[in-house]
Amino acid sequence: MEIKGEACGMVDEKRFYLRGVKLADQCPKCSETRKVDFGEEYLSYPVVGKPFDYFMCCERCGHEWSVKLVLEITLARAAFNAMPASEKS
């Protein structure tokens, strides 16, 4: 089996959640750590492979800043897992 190419284009999803993905960054003004859980907050129509600004707001001092992110999608062959003996008939 061979998989070639790169994922590209817009994800046609207004509210694109990424459960299990978290971001933490320090506020450039007061150094408070701001955490984002993308299972609760979402990306709106992200474009695969194209860098974009994600805007953050410090809950402590109200300062706003952006971080540069890029959404990458990978497709790979799954490892073969033998059926457990308990499931064999």
Protein backbone atom coordinates (compact mmCIF):
# COMPACT_ATOMS: atom_id res chain seq x y z
CA MET A 1 0.00 0.00 0.00
CA GLU A 2 1.16 3.53 -0.76
CA ILE A 3 -0.28 6.84 0.45
CA LYS A 4 0.82 10.00 -1.37
CA GLY A 5 -0.01 13.69 -1.31
CA GLU A 6 -0.85 16.32 1.26
CA ALA A 7 -4.19 17.33 2.69
CA CYS A 8 -5.16 20.86 1.68
CA GLY A 9 -8.12 23.18 1.45
CA MET A 10 -10.76 24.46 3.83
CA VAL A 11 -12.43 22.19 6.34
CA ASP A 12 -16.11 22.83 5.61
CA GLU A 13 -17.04 23.04 9.28
CA LYS A 14 -18.08 26.25 11.03
CA ARG A 15 -17.31 24.80 14.47
CA PHE A 16 -14.34 22.46 14.10
CA TYR A 17 -13.54 20.95 17.51
CA LEU A 18 -10.29 19.07 18.18
CA ARG A 19 -10.95 16.93 21.24
CA GLY A 20 -7.76 16.19 23.14
CA VAL A 21 -5.87 19.20 21.68
CA LYS A 22 -4.90 21.91 24.14
CA LEU A 23 -2.91 25.12 23.81
CA ALA A 24 -1.17 27.06 26.59
CA ASP A 25 0.53 30.43 26.06
CA GLN A 26 1.75 33.21 28.32
CA CYS A 27 0.19 36.64 28.21
CA PRO A 28 2.86 39.01 26.87
CA LYS A 29 1.66 41.74 29.27
CA CYS A 30 1.30 40.05 32.69
CA SER A 31 2.81 36.56 32.08
CA GLU A 32 -0.39 34.76 33.18
CA THR A 33 -0.78 31.39 31.43
CA ARG A 34 -3.87 31.23 29.20
CA LYS A 35 -5.08 27.73 28.35
CA VAL A 36 -7.36 26.76 25.47
CA ASP A 37 -9.06 23.37 25.15
CA PHE A 38 -10.05 22.86 21.51
CA GLY A 39 -12.55 20.24 22.63
CA GLU A 40 -14.53 23.14 24.10
CA GLU A 41 -13.41 26.06 21.91
CA TYR A 42 -13.34 25.67 18.14
CA LEU A 43 -11.69 26.75 14.90
CA SER A 44 -14.04 28.27 12.34
CA TYR A 45 -13.55 27.01 8.76
CA PRO A 46 -9.82 26.28 9.18
CA VAL A 47 -7.69 25.86 6.06
CA VAL A 48 -5.40 22.83 6.16
CA GLY A 49 -1.71 23.63 5.75
CA LYS A 50 -2.17 27.42 5.80
CA PRO A 51 -0.89 29.35 8.84
CA PHE A 52 -3.48 31.51 10.60
CA ASP A 53 -3.70 33.76 13.65
CA TYR A 54 -5.58 32.44 16.67
CA PHE A 55 -6.56 35.28 18.99
CA MET A 56 -6.27 34.92 22.75
CA CYS A 57 -7.42 37.10 25.63
CA CYS A 58 -5.91 37.11 29.11
CA GLU A 59 -8.53 36.49 31.76
CA ARG A 60 -6.39 38.32 34.33
CA CYS A 61 -5.51 41.63 32.64
CA GLY A 62 -7.70 41.63 29.50
CA HIS A 63 -4.74 41.90 27.09
CA GLU A 64 -5.35 40.41 23.63
CA TRP A 65 -2.71 38.80 21.42
CA SER A 66 -2.46 36.26 18.63
CA VAL A 67 -0.49 33.09 18.10
CA LYS A 68 0.31 31.67 14.66
CA LEU A 69 -1.07 28.14 14.17
CA VAL A 70 -1.36 25.69 11.27
CA LEU A 71 -3.76 22.75 10.99
CA GLU A 72 -2.07 19.63 9.65
CA ILE A 73 -3.86 16.40 8.82
CA THR A 74 -2.03 13.10 8.42
CA LEU A 75 -3.29 9.84 6.95
CA ALA A 76 -1.25 6.74 7.72
CA ARG A 77 -1.68 3.01 7.53
CA ALA A 78 -2.79 1.51 10.83
CA ALA A 79 -0.67 -1.17 12.44
CA PHE A 80 -2.07 -4.69 12.10
CA ASN A 81 -3.52 -6.02 15.33
CA ALA A 82 -4.14 -9.73 15.61
CA MET A 83 -7.57 -10.68 16.95
CA PRO A 84 -7.38 -11.51 20.66
CA ALA A 85 -7.70 -15.23 21.44
CA SER A 86 -10.87 -14.54 23.43
CA GLU A 87 -12.63 -13.34 20.23
CA LYS A 88 -11.60 -16.32 18.06
CA SER A 89 -14.24 -19.00 17.57
